[in-house]
Each structure stands twice: as structure tokens, then as C-alpha cells.
Amino acid sequence: MELTTAAPRRRSATRDADGMAVASFILGLVGLLALNVVLGPVSIILAATALLKGTTRRGRAFLGLGLGVADLVVLVAFMSADNTLSWSF
């Protein structure tokens, strides 16, 4: 009796890019409320990488890109209003 094993399944680049697009959107959305100095740039990088890899979720990637930029704009607005390097409610 010969035992055979299935070959390991490889993840496709498109599937990885789709995951990056969704992660970019979620991190950009969360970044509006907390840790926007970290999550904003991460969201921008993930969205740009997903778009370069050819994601099928281009709208989600563009939303993540916009939310990442919005995170940084919100941070700058609150920093200039408080005249500090951080902001709080």
C-alpha cells in the first residue's frame, strides 16, 4: 500500500493582494480613532502594495489609502489645535 500526500497549496499573489487591501481598509478605519501615527502609514503602505500587486478589490484598496491619509491629516489637525506632539480627547 502506497501512501500519498497532497502537495501543499500555495497562496496566489492575487489572494495576498486582496488580503492587503482589506487590511489596509480596516487599519485605516481604526486609525481614525486610535494610534493614527502608526496605523495611517501602515494603511498607506498596504494599500499601495495591494494596488501594485494587482488586487481585485481596488475600491477597498483606494479606501484604505484615503483613510490612511485621513489618519495623518487628523493627527496634524489635532496636533496644531493643541500645540503638542500628541492629541487626546
Protein backbone atom coordinates (compact mmCIF):
# COMPACT_ATOMS: atom_id res chain seq x y z
CA MET A 1 0.00 0.00 0.00
CA GLU A 2 1.43 3.33 -1.02
CA LEU A 3 0.54 6.46 0.88
CA THR A 4 0.45 9.70 -0.99
CA THR A 5 0.16 13.15 0.41
CA ALA A 6 -1.33 16.12 -1.26
CA ALA A 7 1.04 18.79 -2.40
CA PRO A 8 0.96 21.88 -0.20
CA ARG A 9 -1.31 24.54 -1.60
CA ARG A 10 0.36 27.80 -2.47
CA ARG A 11 -1.38 31.07 -1.92
CA SER A 12 -1.79 33.14 -5.02
CA ALA A 13 -0.43 36.66 -5.29
CA THR A 14 -3.91 37.99 -6.04
CA ARG A 15 -5.30 36.48 -2.86
CA ASP A 16 -2.46 38.04 -0.86
CA ALA A 17 -3.10 41.40 -2.52
CA ASP A 18 -6.82 41.15 -1.72
CA GLY A 19 -5.96 40.49 1.93
CA MET A 20 -3.67 43.51 1.97
CA ALA A 21 -6.43 45.69 0.53
CA VAL A 22 -8.88 44.60 3.23
CA ALA A 23 -6.27 45.01 5.96
CA SER A 24 -5.46 48.49 4.69
CA PHE A 25 -9.13 49.48 4.87
CA ILE A 26 -9.58 48.11 8.39
CA LEU A 27 -6.36 49.62 9.75
CA GLY A 28 -7.19 52.98 8.18
CA LEU A 29 -10.63 52.91 9.76
CA VAL A 30 -9.30 52.00 13.21
CA GLY A 31 -6.53 54.55 12.80
CA LEU A 32 -9.05 57.38 12.76
CA LEU A 33 -9.78 56.63 16.41
CA ALA A 34 -6.52 55.34 17.87
CA LEU A 35 -2.82 55.07 17.01
CA ASN A 36 -3.17 57.08 13.83
CA VAL A 37 0.53 57.93 13.83
CA VAL A 38 1.26 54.20 13.35
CA LEU A 39 -1.81 52.87 11.56
CA GLY A 40 -2.00 55.68 8.98
CA PRO A 41 1.35 54.95 7.33
CA VAL A 42 0.82 51.17 7.60
CA SER A 43 -2.54 51.54 5.86
CA ILE A 44 -0.97 53.63 3.08
CA ILE A 45 1.84 51.11 2.54
CA LEU A 46 -0.54 48.12 2.46
CA ALA A 47 -2.89 49.86 0.02
CA ALA A 48 -0.07 50.84 -2.31
CA THR A 49 1.38 47.32 -2.22
CA ALA A 50 -2.03 45.77 -2.91
CA LEU A 51 -2.57 48.07 -5.87
CA LEU A 52 0.88 47.30 -7.27
CA LYS A 53 0.28 43.55 -6.96
CA GLY A 54 -2.99 43.85 -8.86
CA THR A 55 -5.71 43.30 -6.29
CA THR A 56 -9.24 42.58 -7.45
CA ARG A 57 -10.50 44.75 -4.58
CA ARG A 58 -9.25 48.03 -5.96
CA GLY A 59 -12.04 50.05 -4.34
CA ARG A 60 -11.18 48.70 -0.92
CA ALA A 61 -7.50 49.46 -1.50
CA PHE A 62 -8.29 53.04 -2.54
CA LEU A 63 -10.48 53.45 0.54
CA GLY A 64 -7.62 52.18 2.70
CA LEU A 65 -5.27 54.63 1.00
CA GLY A 66 -7.67 57.52 1.60
CA LEU A 67 -8.27 56.53 5.21
CA GLY A 68 -4.52 56.28 5.81
CA VAL A 69 -4.05 59.81 4.51
CA ALA A 70 -7.04 60.95 6.57
CA ASP A 71 -5.42 59.45 9.67
CA LEU A 72 -2.38 61.62 9.17
CA VAL A 73 -4.49 64.71 8.41
CA VAL A 74 -6.50 64.18 11.61
CA LEU A 75 -3.27 63.80 13.57
CA VAL A 76 -1.84 67.03 12.16
CA ALA A 77 -5.11 68.88 12.78
CA PHE A 78 -5.30 67.83 16.41
CA MET A 79 -1.60 68.48 16.95
CA SER A 80 -1.90 72.01 15.58
CA ALA A 81 -5.01 72.68 17.66
CA ASP A 82 -3.33 71.52 20.89
CA ASN A 83 0.18 72.81 20.06
CA THR A 84 1.59 69.47 21.20
CA LEU A 85 3.16 66.43 19.58
CA SER A 86 0.24 64.22 20.56
CA TRP A 87 -3.52 64.60 20.93
CA SER A 88 -6.19 63.37 23.27
CA PHE A 89 -9.92 63.86 23.67
